[in-house]
Amino acid sequence: MTDDYQQREEWRAAFAKQVITDCLGQWLRSANEAAVAAVGSEYAAESARLARQAKDKLTRWRERGDLGGDTAARIADAVVERMEHDEKTTPPREEADESFPSFDSSYRAAVTCQWLRDQGYDIPSYPGDPEL
C-alpha cells in the first residue's frame, strides 16, 4: 500500500465515522425534542424510552465504536435517503472540481456505506451507489 492510498483510506474512515456520529446525534436531538413535546401526554413514556435508546446508541458508538442491532443499516438508509433527496432538490453544479473530494451527500453516502461494509456490516448496494 502506498502512503497516499493509506492516507486516503484513513481520511475516508474518519469521514465515515463523523457522518455516523452526526447521524446518531441528529436522531438523539429529534428523540429529545419528541420527548419534550410529549410531556403530559399518553406518549410521554414511550417518547422518553426512545430518547434514552437514542442516547445509548450514541454513547455505545462513541465509547466502543459499536453500532449494534440494525443501526448500521438504518444509518446507511438515512445517508442514501439524504443523497436521493438532494439529487431531486439540488440543482447540479456547473463544473465539477476533481482536484479535491466532494463533500456532497452522494460522497457522504458512498464513503459511509463502503466503510460500514468494510467493518463487516451487511449493507446492500443501493441503486445509483456512487463510486469512490
Protein backbone atom coordinates (compact mmCIF):
# COMPACT_ATOMS: atom_id res chain seq x y z
CA MET A 1 0.00 0.00 0.00
CA THR A 2 1.28 3.43 -0.88
CA ASP A 3 1.32 6.26 1.60
CA ASP A 4 -1.22 8.18 -0.49
CA TYR A 5 -3.59 5.22 -0.52
CA GLN A 6 -3.18 4.67 3.23
CA GLN A 7 -3.75 8.36 3.95
CA ARG A 8 -6.85 8.42 1.74
CA GLU A 9 -8.27 5.33 3.48
CA GLU A 10 -7.61 6.83 6.92
CA TRP A 11 -9.31 10.04 5.85
CA ARG A 12 -12.32 8.14 4.48
CA ALA A 13 -12.61 6.18 7.74
CA ALA A 14 -12.52 9.37 9.79
CA PHE A 15 -15.05 10.98 7.46
CA ALA A 16 -17.42 7.99 7.68
CA LYS A 17 -17.14 7.93 11.48
CA GLN A 18 -18.03 11.62 11.61
CA VAL A 19 -21.05 11.08 9.34
CA ILE A 20 -22.20 8.23 11.61
CA THR A 21 -21.72 10.36 14.74
CA ASP A 22 -23.64 13.23 13.13
CA CYS A 23 -26.49 10.90 12.18
CA LEU A 24 -26.74 9.40 15.66
CA GLY A 25 -26.56 12.89 17.17
CA GLN A 26 -29.40 14.09 14.95
CA TRP A 27 -31.51 11.09 15.97
CA LEU A 28 -30.84 11.92 19.63
CA ARG A 29 -31.81 15.58 19.13
CA SER A 30 -35.00 14.55 17.36
CA ALA A 31 -35.87 11.99 20.04
CA ASN A 32 -35.24 14.53 22.80
CA GLU A 33 -37.45 17.09 21.06
CA ALA A 34 -40.21 14.50 20.68
CA ALA A 35 -39.89 13.53 24.35
CA VAL A 36 -40.21 17.14 25.45
CA ALA A 37 -43.22 17.65 23.17
CA ALA A 38 -44.87 14.51 24.57
CA VAL A 39 -44.61 15.51 28.25
CA GLY A 40 -48.02 15.12 29.87
CA SER A 41 -49.44 13.07 27.01
CA GLU A 42 -50.15 9.39 26.70
CA TYR A 43 -46.98 9.11 24.59
CA ALA A 44 -44.63 10.54 27.22
CA ALA A 45 -43.23 7.22 28.49
CA GLU A 46 -42.64 5.83 25.01
CA SER A 47 -41.02 9.07 23.84
CA ALA A 48 -38.74 9.11 26.88
CA ARG A 49 -37.78 5.47 26.22
CA LEU A 50 -36.91 6.26 22.60
CA ALA A 51 -34.81 9.24 23.70
CA ARG A 52 -32.89 7.03 26.17
CA GLN A 53 -32.41 4.44 23.44
CA ALA A 54 -31.02 7.08 21.06
CA LYS A 55 -28.66 8.32 23.78
CA ASP A 56 -27.49 4.75 24.47
CA LYS A 57 -26.76 4.18 20.76
CA LEU A 58 -24.70 7.36 20.52
CA THR A 59 -22.85 6.55 23.74
CA ARG A 60 -22.10 2.97 22.62
CA TRP A 61 -20.80 4.30 19.30
CA ARG A 62 -18.59 6.95 20.90
CA GLU A 63 -17.20 4.69 23.61
CA ARG A 64 -16.83 1.39 21.79
CA GLY A 65 -17.34 2.07 18.09
CA ASP A 66 -20.24 -0.39 18.21
CA LEU A 67 -23.42 0.24 16.27
CA GLY A 68 -25.24 -2.90 17.36
CA GLY A 69 -28.50 -4.30 16.04
CA ASP A 70 -29.83 -2.76 12.86
CA THR A 71 -28.31 0.66 13.50
CA ALA A 72 -25.68 0.37 10.73
CA ALA A 73 -28.35 -0.47 8.16
CA ARG A 74 -30.54 2.41 9.38
CA ILE A 75 -27.61 4.82 9.07
CA ALA A 76 -26.85 3.59 5.55
CA ASP A 77 -30.52 4.03 4.64
CA ALA A 78 -30.51 7.54 6.12
CA VAL A 79 -27.43 8.75 4.22
CA VAL A 80 -28.69 7.23 0.96
CA GLU A 81 -32.13 8.78 1.51
CA ARG A 82 -30.47 12.16 2.06
CA MET A 83 -28.45 11.68 -1.14
CA GLU A 84 -31.60 10.84 -3.12
CA HIS A 85 -33.43 13.83 -1.66
CA ASP A 86 -30.54 16.16 -2.51
CA GLU A 87 -30.37 14.80 -6.07
CA LYS A 88 -34.03 15.71 -6.55
CA THR A 89 -33.89 19.14 -4.95
CA THR A 90 -30.38 20.50 -5.56
CA PRO A 91 -29.53 21.90 -8.97
CA PRO A 92 -26.41 20.34 -10.50
CA ARG A 93 -23.15 22.22 -10.18
CA GLU A 94 -21.94 23.83 -13.37
CA GLU A 95 -18.43 22.44 -13.28
CA ALA A 96 -17.04 19.71 -11.06
CA ASP A 97 -13.66 20.26 -9.45
CA GLU A 98 -11.92 16.89 -9.48
CA SER A 99 -8.85 18.15 -7.63
CA PHE A 100 -10.48 17.79 -4.20
CA PRO A 101 -13.01 15.24 -2.99
CA SER A 102 -16.58 16.41 -2.95
CA PHE A 103 -18.40 16.63 0.35
CA ASP A 104 -21.85 16.38 -1.20
CA SER A 105 -24.41 13.91 0.02
CA SER A 106 -23.57 11.29 -2.63
CA TYR A 107 -19.95 11.25 -1.50
CA ARG A 108 -21.00 11.05 2.17
CA ALA A 109 -23.28 8.14 1.33
CA ALA A 110 -20.64 6.30 -0.70
CA VAL A 111 -17.89 6.69 1.89
CA THR A 112 -20.14 5.80 4.83
CA CYS A 113 -21.75 2.76 3.20
CA GLN A 114 -18.39 1.43 1.99
CA TRP A 115 -16.79 1.91 5.42
CA LEU A 116 -19.69 0.09 7.08
CA ARG A 117 -19.28 -2.78 4.59
CA ASP A 118 -15.53 -2.86 5.29
CA GLN A 119 -16.33 -3.20 9.01
CA GLY A 120 -18.41 -6.30 8.29
CA TYR A 121 -21.89 -4.78 8.41
CA ASP A 122 -24.37 -6.17 5.90
CA ILE A 123 -25.04 -3.02 3.88
CA PRO A 124 -26.60 -3.57 0.46
CA SER A 125 -25.55 -1.79 -2.68
CA TYR A 126 -28.06 0.89 -3.50
CA PRO A 127 -29.31 1.83 -6.94
CA GLY A 128 -27.00 4.54 -8.19
CA ASP A 129 -24.48 3.78 -5.43
CA PRO A 130 -21.72 6.28 -6.25
CA GLU A 131 -18.22 5.05 -6.91
CA LEU A 132 -15.32 6.19 -4.76
